[in-house]
Amino acid sequence: MGLLKRLFGARPAAEMTVGSPAFYEFVRNGLTEGSVEAALNNDAVLRAFDLISGSVAMLPLSIMRREAGRVVEATEHQLYPVLRFQPNPWQTAHEFKQLMQGWLLLHGNAYAQIVRQLGRPRSLVPIDPRRVTVETDGGMFPLRYRVVTTRNEALTLQPSDVLHLRGPSIDGEKGVSRVQKAGELIQTANQQQIAANSIYRNGVIAGVALRHPGKLSPEAAQRLKATFEAGYAGAANAGKVMVLEEGLAREFPPATARDAQMVEMRGMLTESIGRVFGVPRPLMFMDDTSWGSGIEQLAMLFVRFGLAPWFSTWEQAITRSLVPSAERGVIYPDFDERELLRGTMKDQGEFLARALGAGGHRPWMTGNEVREHVGLGRHPDGDGLVAAGERTNEPAQTA
């Protein structure tokens, strides 16, 4: 268990000084590997990170088997409990997938050591990608994974011992970090937030101004301010009639073009960060977006083009590293994304009715398949394709 803790531990972020390796990494890529996680301080990055990693984590990842013209869950397979329920002794399947997908988004790579017992995979141990170096013998193959533990011990793992989830790559060895490549964009968004915080902390933001034609003494000005705040300030005094004497006039400071520019810039940066991660505007909670019927189509678009590539990354990496060659084509991992693609209850009802043969359509689903689809148990007479209106062997119900 000591080895597992050393592999799973986190390395402190490297200190960046002029001339240090971290400094040159910053010059090349905008964000250092050690400071990538600081990008999560930006709310748009955090939203995209949480949405994608959470969506991947919530979906079941199962091992499927093709047999006799149908596909069933291979519950007896050695990988099924590892991927479906508990990859290692201290993490649930949800926690493991969320961690690995989060690393994949931040660093472009996610690694897990494959722990085998009698040659069979028994657990997957996540390895902090900041501790891993991919090495070769001058060419692309063979790959080796050099891991530095928290005790600064070097450990070399072979490809057969590592589940490597690799994002889009330009060298075939390691994936590219979206956060690093979009470092300047994220830094601009952070600087814009710092500027806004500075205005609220140090700037003068007056809600209302009182103009007097004459000159008030300091004592009179203080009494007027106290009287005004006591009588009219706060939500409890909203709507009260304001009586102004001796030529006193109330003025509201106008909004400036600079204020509008800051709001516009914030929206543009949020949209750009969503574009980097492949998240549509409505799912970034942009308040200027219409939330009409088209939101359902946008959500499906996100699943098909924003999440589906990650599903494929997981499935093919698992097949490469964990499924024996003799079983490939028959045994395969599969994310069940149907939960994210379900329409309204009305749409589902119409689809399932047609699947059972309603409206003169040829049925393509059995009653039990429909029941399983909606989360119900099997029925003794639910097998077989029966078009709507046809008789079954079920005895008639009597009152």
Protein backbone atom coordinates (compact mmCIF):
# COMPACT_ATOMS: atom_id res chain seq x y z
CA MET A 1 0.00 0.00 0.00
CA GLY A 2 2.99 2.29 0.48
CA LEU A 3 3.73 2.18 -3.25
CA LEU A 4 0.12 3.09 -4.05
CA LYS A 5 0.28 6.13 -1.77
CA ARG A 6 3.55 7.27 -3.30
CA LEU A 7 2.14 6.97 -6.81
CA PHE A 8 -1.11 8.70 -5.93
CA GLY A 9 0.46 11.60 -4.06
CA ALA A 10 0.64 15.11 -5.54
CA ARG A 11 3.79 17.02 -6.31
CA PRO A 12 3.95 20.64 -5.23
CA ALA A 13 3.88 23.14 -8.08
CA ALA A 14 7.33 24.17 -9.29
CA GLU A 15 8.47 27.64 -8.26
CA MET A 16 8.93 29.86 -11.30
CA THR A 17 11.96 32.13 -11.30
CA VAL A 18 13.76 33.83 -14.19
CA GLY A 19 16.02 31.24 -15.81
CA SER A 20 14.34 28.22 -14.18
CA PRO A 21 12.89 25.37 -16.28
CA ALA A 22 9.42 26.45 -15.20
CA PHE A 23 10.13 29.96 -16.53
CA TYR A 24 11.09 28.67 -19.99
CA GLU A 25 8.03 26.41 -19.98
CA PHE A 26 5.93 29.50 -19.26
CA VAL A 27 7.55 31.41 -22.14
CA ARG A 28 6.80 28.54 -24.55
CA ASN A 29 3.30 27.59 -23.45
CA GLY A 30 1.88 30.46 -21.38
CA LEU A 31 1.16 28.32 -18.30
CA THR A 32 3.58 25.98 -16.58
CA GLU A 33 2.70 22.36 -15.90
CA GLY A 34 2.82 23.10 -12.19
CA SER A 35 0.52 26.12 -12.47
CA VAL A 36 -2.09 24.53 -14.73
CA GLU A 37 -4.42 23.85 -11.82
CA ALA A 38 -4.41 27.58 -11.01
CA ALA A 39 -6.53 28.01 -14.15
CA LEU A 40 -9.44 26.53 -12.16
CA ASN A 41 -9.60 29.83 -10.26
CA ASN A 42 -11.32 31.18 -13.35
CA ASP A 43 -15.06 30.46 -13.11
CA ALA A 44 -15.44 29.71 -16.85
CA VAL A 45 -12.59 27.15 -16.79
CA LEU A 46 -13.99 25.63 -13.60
CA ARG A 47 -17.46 25.36 -15.17
CA ALA A 48 -16.17 23.61 -18.31
CA PHE A 49 -13.88 21.36 -16.23
CA ASP A 50 -16.66 20.38 -13.84
CA LEU A 51 -19.23 19.85 -16.61
CA ILE A 52 -17.09 17.53 -18.75
CA SER A 53 -15.44 15.55 -15.95
CA GLY A 54 -18.74 15.27 -14.07
CA SER A 55 -20.64 14.15 -17.18
CA VAL A 56 -18.07 11.45 -17.96
CA ALA A 57 -18.03 10.31 -14.33
CA MET A 58 -21.81 9.99 -13.99
CA LEU A 59 -22.25 7.63 -16.94
CA PRO A 60 -21.89 3.87 -16.45
CA LEU A 61 -18.77 2.33 -17.99
CA SER A 62 -19.44 -1.35 -18.59
CA ILE A 63 -17.88 -4.33 -20.27
CA MET A 64 -20.13 -5.63 -23.05
CA ARG A 65 -20.22 -8.95 -24.90
CA ARG A 66 -21.48 -9.69 -28.41
CA GLU A 67 -23.22 -13.03 -28.55
CA ALA A 68 -25.83 -14.68 -30.77
CA GLY A 69 -26.73 -11.49 -32.58
CA ARG A 70 -27.21 -9.39 -29.45
CA VAL A 71 -25.16 -7.37 -26.99
CA VAL A 72 -25.28 -8.03 -23.24
CA GLU A 73 -23.32 -6.87 -20.21
CA ALA A 74 -20.43 -9.24 -19.51
CA THR A 75 -21.01 -9.27 -15.75
CA GLU A 76 -18.83 -12.35 -15.31
CA HIS A 77 -15.80 -10.76 -16.99
CA GLN A 78 -12.80 -9.87 -14.81
CA LEU A 79 -12.89 -6.21 -15.89
CA TYR A 80 -16.58 -5.69 -15.17
CA PRO A 81 -16.38 -5.00 -11.40
CA VAL A 82 -13.19 -2.94 -11.84
CA LEU A 83 -14.67 -0.54 -14.39
CA ARG A 84 -18.30 -0.62 -13.30
CA PHE A 85 -18.03 -0.36 -9.52
CA GLN A 86 -14.63 0.00 -7.85
CA PRO A 87 -11.35 0.51 -9.74
CA ASN A 88 -9.28 0.48 -6.53
CA PRO A 89 -9.85 0.06 -2.77
CA TRP A 90 -10.29 3.79 -2.00
CA GLN A 91 -12.23 5.16 -4.96
CA THR A 92 -15.65 4.60 -6.44
CA ALA A 93 -16.01 4.33 -10.20
CA HIS A 94 -17.41 7.88 -10.26
CA GLU A 95 -14.46 9.31 -8.34
CA PHE A 96 -11.93 7.47 -10.50
CA LYS A 97 -13.46 8.59 -13.79
CA GLN A 98 -13.84 12.18 -12.62
CA LEU A 99 -10.22 12.35 -11.47
CA MET A 100 -8.83 10.78 -14.64
CA GLN A 101 -10.98 12.93 -16.93
CA GLY A 102 -10.02 16.04 -14.96
CA TRP A 103 -6.32 15.26 -15.41
CA LEU A 104 -6.97 14.63 -19.08
CA LEU A 105 -8.51 18.09 -19.45
CA LEU A 106 -5.88 19.94 -17.43
CA HIS A 107 -2.71 18.12 -18.45
CA GLY A 108 -3.65 16.34 -21.69
CA ASN A 109 -2.82 12.96 -20.14
CA ALA A 110 -4.10 10.67 -17.40
CA TYR A 111 -2.31 7.57 -16.14
CA ALA A 112 -3.29 4.62 -13.95
CA GLN A 113 -1.07 1.70 -13.01
CA ILE A 114 -2.64 -1.68 -13.80
CA VAL A 115 -2.32 -3.95 -10.78
CA ARG A 116 -2.69 -7.60 -11.78
CA GLN A 117 -3.29 -10.75 -9.81
CA LEU A 118 -2.46 -14.04 -11.54
CA GLY A 119 -2.21 -12.06 -14.78
CA ARG A 120 -5.68 -10.55 -14.46
CA PRO A 121 -6.34 -6.83 -13.86
CA ARG A 122 -7.60 -6.34 -10.31
CA SER A 123 -7.32 -2.58 -9.78
CA LEU A 124 -6.34 0.68 -11.43
CA VAL A 125 -4.17 3.06 -9.41
CA PRO A 126 -4.20 6.72 -10.61
CA ILE A 127 -0.77 8.33 -11.07
CA ASP A 128 -0.42 12.12 -10.97
CA PRO A 129 0.53 13.07 -14.57
CA ARG A 130 2.98 15.68 -13.26
CA ARG A 131 5.06 12.77 -11.95
CA VAL A 132 5.21 10.88 -15.24
CA THR A 133 7.72 11.19 -18.07
CA VAL A 134 7.17 9.27 -21.29
CA GLU A 135 10.46 7.93 -22.63
CA THR A 136 11.46 6.26 -25.89
CA ASP A 137 14.60 4.73 -27.38
CA GLY A 138 15.06 7.46 -29.96
CA GLY A 139 11.92 6.56 -31.88
CA MET A 140 8.24 6.49 -31.11
CA PHE A 141 8.35 2.90 -29.84
CA PRO A 142 8.76 1.32 -27.44
CA LEU A 143 7.35 3.65 -24.81
CA ARG A 144 8.31 3.59 -21.17
CA TYR A 145 6.79 5.49 -18.28
CA ARG A 146 9.20 6.94 -15.76
CA VAL A 147 7.39 7.79 -12.50
CA VAL A 148 8.92 9.92 -9.73
CA THR A 149 7.37 9.10 -6.35
CA THR A 150 6.84 11.50 -3.46
CA ARG A 151 10.09 10.16 -2.01
CA ASN A 152 11.93 11.11 -5.22
CA GLU A 153 12.32 7.45 -6.14
CA ALA A 154 12.28 6.54 -9.83
CA LEU A 155 9.98 3.78 -11.02
CA THR A 156 9.84 2.55 -14.62
CA LEU A 157 6.60 1.04 -15.91
CA GLN A 158 6.05 -0.74 -19.22
CA PRO A 159 3.11 0.13 -21.49
CA SER A 160 1.38 -3.10 -20.50
CA ASP A 161 1.36 -1.86 -16.89
CA VAL A 162 -0.22 1.55 -17.58
CA LEU A 163 -3.65 2.70 -18.67
CA HIS A 164 -2.76 5.88 -20.55
CA LEU A 165 -5.58 8.20 -21.57
CA ARG A 166 -4.02 10.48 -24.15
CA GLY A 167 -5.67 13.66 -25.39
CA PRO A 168 -5.04 15.18 -28.84
CA SER A 169 -1.34 14.71 -29.52
CA ILE A 170 1.24 16.23 -31.85
CA ASP A 171 4.01 13.67 -31.19
CA GLY A 172 2.06 10.45 -30.59
CA GLU A 173 3.52 10.08 -27.11
CA LYS A 174 1.78 12.64 -24.88
CA GLY A 175 -1.44 14.57 -25.20
CA VAL A 176 -1.68 18.34 -25.42
CA SER A 177 -3.06 20.29 -22.47
CA ARG A 178 -5.92 22.54 -23.53
CA VAL A 179 -5.29 24.73 -20.51
CA GLN A 180 -1.64 25.24 -21.42
CA LYS A 181 -2.38 26.00 -25.07
CA ALA A 182 -5.10 28.47 -24.05
CA GLY A 183 -2.86 29.96 -21.34
CA GLU A 184 -2.91 33.51 -22.69
CA LEU A 185 -6.70 33.47 -23.01
CA ILE A 186 -7.14 32.21 -19.46
CA GLN A 187 -4.61 34.70 -18.11
CA THR A 188 -6.48 37.52 -19.86
CA ALA A 189 -9.71 36.37 -18.23
CA ASN A 190 -7.99 36.23 -14.85
CA GLN A 191 -6.53 39.72 -15.30
CA GLN A 192 -9.96 41.03 -16.24
CA GLN A 193 -11.33 39.54 -13.02
CA ILE A 194 -8.48 41.09 -11.03
CA ALA A 195 -9.26 44.47 -12.59
CA ALA A 196 -12.93 44.16 -11.67
CA ASN A 197 -12.03 43.17 -8.11
CA SER A 198 -9.72 46.17 -7.88
CA ILE A 199 -12.50 48.51 -8.96
CA TYR A 200 -14.84 47.16 -6.28
CA ARG A 201 -12.11 47.22 -3.67
CA ASN A 202 -10.47 50.56 -4.44
CA GLY A 203 -12.78 52.43 -6.81
CA VAL A 204 -15.49 54.95 -5.98
CA ILE A 205 -18.89 53.39 -6.65
CA ALA A 206 -21.61 55.83 -5.57
CA GLY A 207 -25.23 54.73 -5.77
CA VAL A 208 -26.69 58.26 -5.60
CA ALA A 209 -25.38 61.83 -5.35
CA LEU A 210 -27.00 64.82 -3.62
CA ARG A 211 -26.37 68.25 -5.20
CA HIS A 212 -26.80 71.46 -3.15
CA PRO A 213 -26.66 74.93 -4.75
CA GLY A 214 -24.75 76.38 -1.83
CA LYS A 215 -21.87 75.27 0.35
CA LEU A 216 -22.51 72.99 3.32
CA SER A 217 -20.39 72.92 6.43
CA PRO A 218 -18.80 69.56 7.29
CA GLU A 219 -21.28 69.16 10.16
CA ALA A 220 -24.28 69.87 7.93
CA ALA A 221 -23.01 67.51 5.23
CA GLN A 222 -22.55 64.74 7.79
CA ARG A 223 -26.07 65.26 9.22
CA LEU A 224 -27.55 65.23 5.71
CA LYS A 225 -25.71 62.00 4.83
CA ALA A 226 -26.83 60.29 8.05
CA THR A 227 -30.44 61.43 7.60
CA PHE A 228 -30.53 60.27 3.99
CA GLU A 229 -29.05 56.84 4.76
CA ALA A 230 -31.38 56.30 7.73
CA GLY A 231 -34.50 57.27 5.82
CA TYR A 232 -33.92 55.96 2.32
CA ALA A 233 -31.03 53.46 2.16
CA GLY A 234 -31.59 49.69 2.14
CA ALA A 235 -34.27 47.34 0.85
CA ALA A 236 -36.64 48.14 3.74
CA ASN A 237 -36.86 51.78 2.55
CA ALA A 238 -37.45 51.01 -1.11
CA GLY A 239 -40.30 53.01 -2.65
CA LYS A 240 -40.44 55.74 0.00
CA VAL A 241 -41.28 59.27 -1.08
CA MET A 242 -38.16 61.43 -0.95
CA VAL A 243 -38.61 65.05 0.15
CA LEU A 244 -35.73 67.36 -0.78
CA GLU A 245 -35.52 70.96 0.50
CA GLU A 246 -33.46 74.09 -0.07
CA GLY A 247 -32.68 73.34 -3.72
CA LEU A 248 -31.30 69.87 -2.97
CA ALA A 249 -31.29 67.62 -6.07
CA ARG A 250 -30.70 63.88 -6.40
CA GLU A 251 -28.46 62.55 -9.19
CA PHE A 252 -27.46 59.04 -10.30
CA PRO A 253 -23.93 58.54 -11.64
CA PRO A 254 -24.29 57.42 -15.27
CA ALA A 255 -22.93 54.08 -16.47
CA THR A 256 -19.84 54.65 -18.59
CA ALA A 257 -18.75 52.99 -21.81
CA ARG A 258 -15.90 51.49 -19.81
CA ASP A 259 -18.40 49.64 -17.58
CA ALA A 260 -20.18 48.24 -20.64
CA GLN A 261 -16.86 47.19 -22.17
CA MET A 262 -15.92 45.21 -19.07
CA VAL A 263 -19.23 43.32 -19.15
CA GLU A 264 -18.87 42.67 -22.88
CA MET A 265 -15.27 41.52 -22.50
CA ARG A 266 -16.21 39.11 -19.72
CA GLY A 267 -18.86 37.51 -21.94
CA MET A 268 -16.42 37.20 -24.86
CA LEU A 269 -13.78 35.55 -22.68
CA THR A 270 -16.30 33.12 -21.21
CA GLU A 271 -17.46 32.16 -24.69
CA SER A 272 -13.86 31.70 -25.89
CA ILE A 273 -13.00 29.45 -22.93
CA GLY A 274 -16.14 27.40 -23.60
CA ARG A 275 -14.99 27.08 -27.23
CA VAL A 276 -11.62 25.71 -26.10
CA PHE A 277 -13.35 22.93 -24.13
CA GLY A 278 -16.13 22.36 -26.67
CA VAL A 279 -18.95 23.57 -24.39
CA PRO A 280 -21.90 25.49 -25.96
CA ARG A 281 -22.80 28.95 -24.66
CA PRO A 282 -25.98 27.93 -22.77
CA LEU A 283 -24.08 25.25 -20.85
CA MET A 284 -21.60 27.93 -19.74
CA PHE A 285 -24.60 29.72 -18.18
CA MET A 286 -24.22 32.82 -20.33
CA ASP A 287 -27.15 35.03 -19.41
CA ASP A 288 -27.59 36.54 -22.87
CA THR A 289 -28.47 33.18 -24.40
CA SER A 290 -32.06 32.23 -25.17
CA TRP A 291 -33.19 29.17 -23.22
CA GLY A 292 -35.90 28.06 -25.64
CA SER A 293 -36.66 24.69 -27.15
CA GLY A 294 -33.30 24.69 -28.94
CA ILE A 295 -31.46 24.02 -25.67
CA GLU A 296 -32.29 20.31 -26.00
CA GLN A 297 -30.65 20.16 -29.41
CA LEU A 298 -27.61 22.03 -28.08
CA ALA A 299 -27.32 19.52 -25.23
CA MET A 300 -27.37 16.65 -27.74
CA LEU A 301 -24.79 18.49 -29.83
CA PHE A 302 -22.57 18.73 -26.74
CA VAL A 303 -22.88 14.99 -26.08
CA ARG A 304 -22.15 13.98 -29.67
CA PHE A 305 -19.30 16.34 -30.41
CA GLY A 306 -18.07 17.49 -26.99
CA LEU A 307 -18.24 14.27 -24.96
CA ALA A 308 -18.27 11.46 -27.54
CA PRO A 309 -14.57 11.95 -28.44
CA TRP A 310 -13.70 11.48 -24.76
CA PHE A 311 -15.85 8.34 -24.60
CA SER A 312 -13.89 6.98 -27.56
CA THR A 313 -10.59 7.91 -25.87
CA TRP A 314 -11.54 5.91 -22.78
CA GLU A 315 -12.95 2.92 -24.65
CA GLN A 316 -10.04 2.47 -27.03
CA ALA A 317 -7.40 2.98 -24.32
CA ILE A 318 -9.09 0.34 -22.15
CA THR A 319 -9.28 -2.05 -25.11
CA ARG A 320 -5.58 -1.48 -25.87
CA SER A 321 -4.34 -1.94 -22.31
CA LEU A 322 -6.83 -4.22 -20.57
CA VAL A 323 -8.75 -6.39 -23.05
CA PRO A 324 -6.77 -9.47 -24.20
CA SER A 325 -6.18 -9.69 -27.95
CA ALA A 326 -8.14 -12.96 -28.19
CA GLU A 327 -11.28 -11.26 -26.77
CA ARG A 328 -11.28 -8.12 -28.88
CA GLY A 329 -14.28 -7.80 -31.13
CA VAL A 330 -16.35 -9.86 -28.70
CA ILE A 331 -15.56 -8.09 -25.41
CA TYR A 332 -15.46 -4.31 -25.43
CA PRO A 333 -15.89 -1.37 -23.00
CA ASP A 334 -18.82 0.97 -23.54
CA PHE A 335 -20.05 4.23 -22.05
CA ASP A 336 -23.84 4.34 -21.78
CA GLU A 337 -24.65 7.89 -22.84
CA ARG A 338 -28.39 7.29 -23.21
CA GLU A 339 -29.10 9.20 -20.00
CA LEU A 340 -27.71 12.34 -21.60
CA LEU A 341 -29.53 11.83 -24.90
CA ARG A 342 -33.02 11.21 -23.52
CA GLY A 343 -35.61 13.71 -24.75
CA THR A 344 -38.72 14.85 -22.92
CA MET A 345 -41.13 12.26 -21.49
CA LYS A 346 -43.42 12.93 -24.45
CA ASP A 347 -40.62 12.29 -26.96
CA GLN A 348 -39.58 9.11 -25.15
CA GLY A 349 -43.19 7.88 -25.08
CA GLU A 350 -43.62 8.41 -28.82
CA PHE A 351 -40.31 6.71 -29.60
CA LEU A 352 -41.03 3.67 -27.42
CA ALA A 353 -44.58 3.37 -28.75
CA ARG A 354 -43.24 3.19 -32.30
CA ALA A 355 -40.54 0.77 -31.17
CA LEU A 356 -43.35 -1.54 -29.97
CA GLY A 357 -45.19 -1.23 -33.29
CA ALA A 358 -47.70 1.56 -32.67
CA GLY A 359 -49.15 3.34 -35.71
CA GLY A 360 -48.67 0.38 -38.00
CA HIS A 361 -44.87 0.42 -37.69
CA ARG A 362 -42.89 -2.79 -37.69
CA PRO A 363 -41.81 -3.40 -34.05
CA TRP A 364 -38.07 -3.47 -33.32
CA MET A 365 -38.10 -3.66 -29.51
CA THR A 366 -39.64 -6.21 -27.18
CA GLY A 367 -41.73 -5.29 -24.19
CA ASN A 368 -38.93 -6.30 -21.81
CA GLU A 369 -36.40 -4.16 -23.69
CA VAL A 370 -38.71 -1.17 -23.27
CA ARG A 371 -39.24 -1.95 -19.59
CA GLU A 372 -35.48 -2.14 -19.02
CA HIS A 373 -35.05 1.13 -20.91
CA VAL A 374 -37.36 2.94 -18.47
CA GLY A 375 -35.92 1.20 -15.41
CA LEU A 376 -38.58 -1.48 -14.82
CA GLY A 377 -38.09 -5.19 -14.24
CA ARG A 378 -38.71 -7.90 -16.79
CA HIS A 379 -42.18 -9.35 -17.40
CA PRO A 380 -42.77 -13.08 -18.06
CA ASP A 381 -44.56 -12.29 -21.32
CA GLY A 382 -42.33 -9.41 -22.37
CA ASP A 383 -40.07 -11.23 -24.82
CA GLY A 384 -40.69 -11.36 -28.54
CA LEU A 385 -41.67 -8.67 -31.05
CA VAL A 386 -45.42 -8.02 -30.90
CA ALA A 387 -46.97 -5.25 -32.96
CA ALA A 388 -49.54 -3.00 -31.31
CA GLY A 389 -53.03 -4.50 -31.49
CA GLU A 390 -51.83 -8.11 -31.87
CA ARG A 391 -52.91 -10.68 -29.35
CA THR A 392 -50.46 -12.24 -26.91
CA ASN A 393 -50.61 -15.38 -24.82
CA GLU A 394 -51.40 -13.33 -21.73
CA PRO A 395 -54.77 -14.40 -20.24
CA ALA A 396 -57.51 -11.83 -20.27
CA GLN A 397 -57.94 -9.80 -17.11
CA THR A 398 -61.31 -10.13 -15.39
CA ALA A 399 -62.87 -7.62 -13.10
